[in-house]
């Protein structure tokens, strides 16, 4: 994947930080990072290839109906009274970085069962 080194480092820093930040209390955080080369079926662009990286955690998760709100700046899905710190900026920055790299970012999750953040980078030279 070619791109701006500082932005890509910041992208992965925020993704890992977010997974650790929203770990379940008294349970060590666990991350699983998976890479696949996939077609653009998810966008209706079957003729394009993408690098897909999925970062799954065992954290507190979220209600999937609010997945689209995760990437809105200053938007937190967990109340300010919760024990989780954060300002709601990290995933919004990730979305902007993916936009800067002509990529995509999505989220899947379930309350109490962790989250999966999926990023897609277009394979160059197509």
C-alpha atoms as a PDB file:
ATOM      1  CA  UNK A   1       0.000   0.000   0.000  1.00  0.00           C
ATOM      2  CA  UNK A   2       1.488   3.299  -1.048  1.00  0.00           C
ATOM      3  CA  UNK A   3       0.520   6.440   0.775  1.00  0.00           C
ATOM      4  CA  UNK A   4       1.504   9.189   3.113  1.00  0.00           C
ATOM      5  CA  UNK A   5       3.635   7.503   5.780  1.00  0.00           C
ATOM      6  CA  UNK A   6       2.613   9.864   8.599  1.00  0.00           C
ATOM      7  CA  UNK A   7      -1.082   9.531   7.801  1.00  0.00           C
ATOM      8  CA  UNK A   8      -0.920   5.736   7.554  1.00  0.00           C
ATOM      9  CA  UNK A   9       0.928   5.497  10.878  1.00  0.00           C
ATOM     10  CA  UNK A  10      -1.698   7.768  12.443  1.00  0.00           C
ATOM     11  CA  UNK A  11      -4.476   5.626  10.933  1.00  0.00           C
ATOM     12  CA  UNK A  12      -3.199   2.414  12.518  1.00  0.00           C
ATOM     13  CA  UNK A  13      -2.362   4.177  15.792  1.00  0.00           C
ATOM     14  CA  UNK A  14      -5.954   5.400  16.120  1.00  0.00           C
ATOM     15  CA  UNK A  15      -7.401   2.003  15.174  1.00  0.00           C
ATOM     16  CA  UNK A  16      -5.304   0.152  17.756  1.00  0.00           C
ATOM     17  CA  UNK A  17      -5.793   2.861  20.410  1.00  0.00           C
ATOM     18  CA  UNK A  18      -9.550   2.710  19.900  1.00  0.00           C
ATOM     19  CA  UNK A  19      -9.622  -1.065  20.326  1.00  0.00           C
ATOM     20  CA  UNK A  20      -7.584  -0.855  23.533  1.00  0.00           C
ATOM     21  CA  UNK A  21      -9.523   2.156  24.891  1.00  0.00           C
ATOM     22  CA  UNK A  22     -12.867   0.348  24.601  1.00  0.00           C
ATOM     23  CA  UNK A  23     -11.690  -2.930  26.110  1.00  0.00           C
ATOM     24  CA  UNK A  24     -13.981  -4.625  28.600  1.00  0.00           C
ATOM     25  CA  UNK A  25     -13.056  -3.833  32.204  1.00  0.00           C
ATOM     26  CA  UNK A  26     -10.818  -6.452  33.837  1.00  0.00           C
ATOM     27  CA  UNK A  27     -10.410  -8.371  30.559  1.00  0.00           C
ATOM     28  CA  UNK A  28      -7.130  -8.043  28.649  1.00  0.00           C
ATOM     29  CA  UNK A  29      -7.692  -6.526  25.205  1.00  0.00           C
ATOM     30  CA  UNK A  30      -7.232  -8.868  22.264  1.00  0.00           C
ATOM     31  CA  UNK A  31      -6.794  -7.721  18.665  1.00  0.00           C
ATOM     32  CA  UNK A  32      -6.936  -9.780  15.513  1.00  0.00           C
ATOM     33  CA  UNK A  33      -5.681  -8.168  12.313  1.00  0.00           C
ATOM     34  CA  UNK A  34      -6.519  -9.874   9.035  1.00  0.00           C
ATOM     35  CA  UNK A  35      -5.489  -8.989   5.468  1.00  0.00           C
ATOM     36  CA  UNK A  36      -7.220 -10.109   2.276  1.00  0.00           C
ATOM     37  CA  UNK A  37      -7.128  -9.104  -1.364  1.00  0.00           C
ATOM     38  CA  UNK A  38     -10.793  -8.653  -2.329  1.00  0.00           C
ATOM     39  CA  UNK A  39     -12.901  -7.485  -5.241  1.00  0.00           C
ATOM     40  CA  UNK A  40     -14.929  -4.298  -4.993  1.00  0.00           C
ATOM     41  CA  UNK A  41     -18.259  -6.154  -4.709  1.00  0.00           C
ATOM     42  CA  UNK A  42     -19.056  -4.186  -1.546  1.00  0.00           C
ATOM     43  CA  UNK A  43     -19.111  -1.017  -3.686  1.00  0.00           C
ATOM     44  CA  UNK A  44     -20.579  -2.477  -6.830  1.00  0.00           C
ATOM     45  CA  UNK A  45     -17.106  -2.212  -8.397  1.00  0.00           C
ATOM     46  CA  UNK A  46     -16.515  -5.881  -9.181  1.00  0.00           C
ATOM     47  CA  UNK A  47     -13.748  -5.099 -11.662  1.00  0.00           C
ATOM     48  CA  UNK A  48     -11.504  -3.465  -9.029  1.00  0.00           C
ATOM     49  CA  UNK A  49      -9.266  -5.059  -6.410  1.00  0.00           C
ATOM     50  CA  UNK A  50      -8.799  -3.753  -2.885  1.00  0.00           C
ATOM     51  CA  UNK A  51      -6.436  -4.465  -0.013  1.00  0.00           C
ATOM     52  CA  UNK A  52      -8.792  -5.226   2.879  1.00  0.00           C
ATOM     53  CA  UNK A  53      -7.545  -5.000   6.449  1.00  0.00           C
ATOM     54  CA  UNK A  54      -9.900  -5.947   9.286  1.00  0.00           C
ATOM     55  CA  UNK A  55      -9.077  -5.112  12.896  1.00  0.00           C
ATOM     56  CA  UNK A  56     -11.246  -7.063  15.324  1.00  0.00           C
ATOM     57  CA  UNK A  57     -11.279  -6.647  19.092  1.00  0.00           C
ATOM     58  CA  UNK A  58     -12.919  -8.235  22.125  1.00  0.00           C
ATOM     59  CA  UNK A  59     -14.072  -4.924  23.585  1.00  0.00           C
ATOM     60  CA  UNK A  60     -17.427  -3.529  24.593  1.00  0.00           C
ATOM     61  CA  UNK A  61     -18.692  -3.316  21.016  1.00  0.00           C
ATOM     62  CA  UNK A  62     -21.572  -1.127  19.891  1.00  0.00           C
ATOM     63  CA  UNK A  63     -25.084  -1.348  18.523  1.00  0.00           C
ATOM     64  CA  UNK A  64     -24.639  -1.922  14.781  1.00  0.00           C
ATOM     65  CA  UNK A  65     -27.491   0.424  13.860  1.00  0.00           C
ATOM     66  CA  UNK A  66     -25.185   3.286  14.935  1.00  0.00           C
ATOM     67  CA  UNK A  67     -22.133   2.117  12.947  1.00  0.00           C
ATOM     68  CA  UNK A  68     -22.342   5.058  10.548  1.00  0.00           C
ATOM     69  CA  UNK A  69     -22.055   7.494  13.478  1.00  0.00           C
ATOM     70  CA  UNK A  70     -18.708   6.095  14.635  1.00  0.00           C
ATOM     71  CA  UNK A  71     -16.865   8.126  12.008  1.00  0.00           C
ATOM     72  CA  UNK A  72     -18.514  11.486  12.786  1.00  0.00           C
ATOM     73  CA  UNK A  73     -16.204  13.931  14.549  1.00  0.00           C
ATOM     74  CA  UNK A  74     -16.943  14.523  18.253  1.00  0.00           C
ATOM     75  CA  UNK A  75     -19.472  11.673  18.185  1.00  0.00           C
ATOM     76  CA  UNK A  76     -19.236   9.058  20.926  1.00  0.00           C
ATOM     77  CA  UNK A  77     -21.612   6.131  21.139  1.00  0.00           C
ATOM     78  CA  UNK A  78     -20.951   5.631  24.844  1.00  0.00           C
ATOM     79  CA  UNK A  79     -22.142   8.199  27.345  1.00  0.00           C
ATOM     80  CA  UNK A  80     -19.805  10.768  28.803  1.00  0.00           C
ATOM     81  CA  UNK A  81     -20.578   9.299  32.234  1.00  0.00           C
ATOM     82  CA  UNK A  82     -18.983   5.993  31.230  1.00  0.00           C
ATOM     83  CA  UNK A  83     -15.447   5.076  32.271  1.00  0.00           C
ATOM     84  CA  UNK A  84     -14.204   5.404  28.698  1.00  0.00           C
ATOM     85  CA  UNK A  85     -12.143   8.432  27.785  1.00  0.00           C
ATOM     86  CA  UNK A  86     -12.032  10.074  24.413  1.00  0.00           C
ATOM     87  CA  UNK A  87     -13.403  13.000  22.506  1.00  0.00           C
ATOM     88  CA  UNK A  88     -14.816  11.240  19.447  1.00  0.00           C
ATOM     89  CA  UNK A  89     -12.039  12.341  17.120  1.00  0.00           C
ATOM     90  CA  UNK A  90      -9.959   9.215  16.392  1.00  0.00           C
ATOM     91  CA  UNK A  91     -12.250   7.355  14.000  1.00  0.00           C
ATOM     92  CA  UNK A  92     -13.210  10.603  12.241  1.00  0.00           C
ATOM     93  CA  UNK A  93      -9.503  11.138  11.547  1.00  0.00           C
ATOM     94  CA  UNK A  94      -9.306   7.551  10.252  1.00  0.00           C
ATOM     95  CA  UNK A  95     -12.178   8.252   7.853  1.00  0.00           C
ATOM     96  CA  UNK A  96     -10.418  11.373   6.547  1.00  0.00           C
ATOM     97  CA  UNK A  97      -7.147   9.477   6.080  1.00  0.00           C
ATOM     98  CA  UNK A  98      -8.950   6.758   4.127  1.00  0.00           C
ATOM     99  CA  UNK A  99     -10.602   9.452   1.981  1.00  0.00           C
ATOM    100  CA  UNK A 100      -7.162  10.987   1.347  1.00  0.00           C
ATOM    101  CA  UNK A 101      -5.991   7.569   0.115  1.00  0.00           C
ATOM    102  CA  UNK A 102      -9.098   6.904  -2.046  1.00  0.00           C
ATOM    103  CA  UNK A 103     -10.090   4.203   0.412  1.00  0.00           C
ATOM    104  CA  UNK A 104     -13.043   3.203   2.542  1.00  0.00           C
ATOM    105  CA  UNK A 105     -13.637   2.461   6.221  1.00  0.00           C
ATOM    106  CA  UNK A 106     -16.587   0.619   7.758  1.00  0.00           C
ATOM    107  CA  UNK A 107     -17.471  -0.859  11.138  1.00  0.00           C
ATOM    108  CA  UNK A 108     -19.303  -3.908  12.400  1.00  0.00           C
ATOM    109  CA  UNK A 109     -20.115  -4.691  15.995  1.00  0.00           C
ATOM    110  CA  UNK A 110     -22.466  -5.938  18.668  1.00  0.00           C
ATOM    111  CA  UNK A 111     -23.006  -4.594  22.148  1.00  0.00           C
ATOM    112  CA  UNK A 112     -20.749  -6.501  24.530  1.00  0.00           C
ATOM    113  CA  UNK A 113     -19.141  -8.580  21.780  1.00  0.00           C
ATOM    114  CA  UNK A 114     -16.434  -6.375  20.306  1.00  0.00           C
ATOM    115  CA  UNK A 115     -16.029  -4.487  17.077  1.00  0.00           C
ATOM    116  CA  UNK A 116     -14.460  -4.945  13.663  1.00  0.00           C
ATOM    117  CA  UNK A 117     -13.131  -1.960  11.751  1.00  0.00           C
ATOM    118  CA  UNK A 118     -12.550  -2.727   8.070  1.00  0.00           C
ATOM    119  CA  UNK A 119     -10.439  -0.567   5.795  1.00  0.00           C
ATOM    120  CA  UNK A 120     -10.096  -0.886   2.021  1.00  0.00           C
ATOM    121  CA  UNK A 121      -7.270   0.512  -0.091  1.00  0.00           C
ATOM    122  CA  UNK A 122      -7.561   0.409  -3.873  1.00  0.00           C
ATOM    123  CA  UNK A 123      -4.866  -1.772  -5.458  1.00  0.00           C
ATOM    124  CA  UNK A 124      -2.691   0.522  -7.564  1.00  0.00           C
ATOM    125  CA  UNK A 125      -2.260   0.167 -11.301  1.00  0.00           C
ATOM    126  CA  UNK A 126      -5.773  -0.933 -12.211  1.00  0.00           C
END
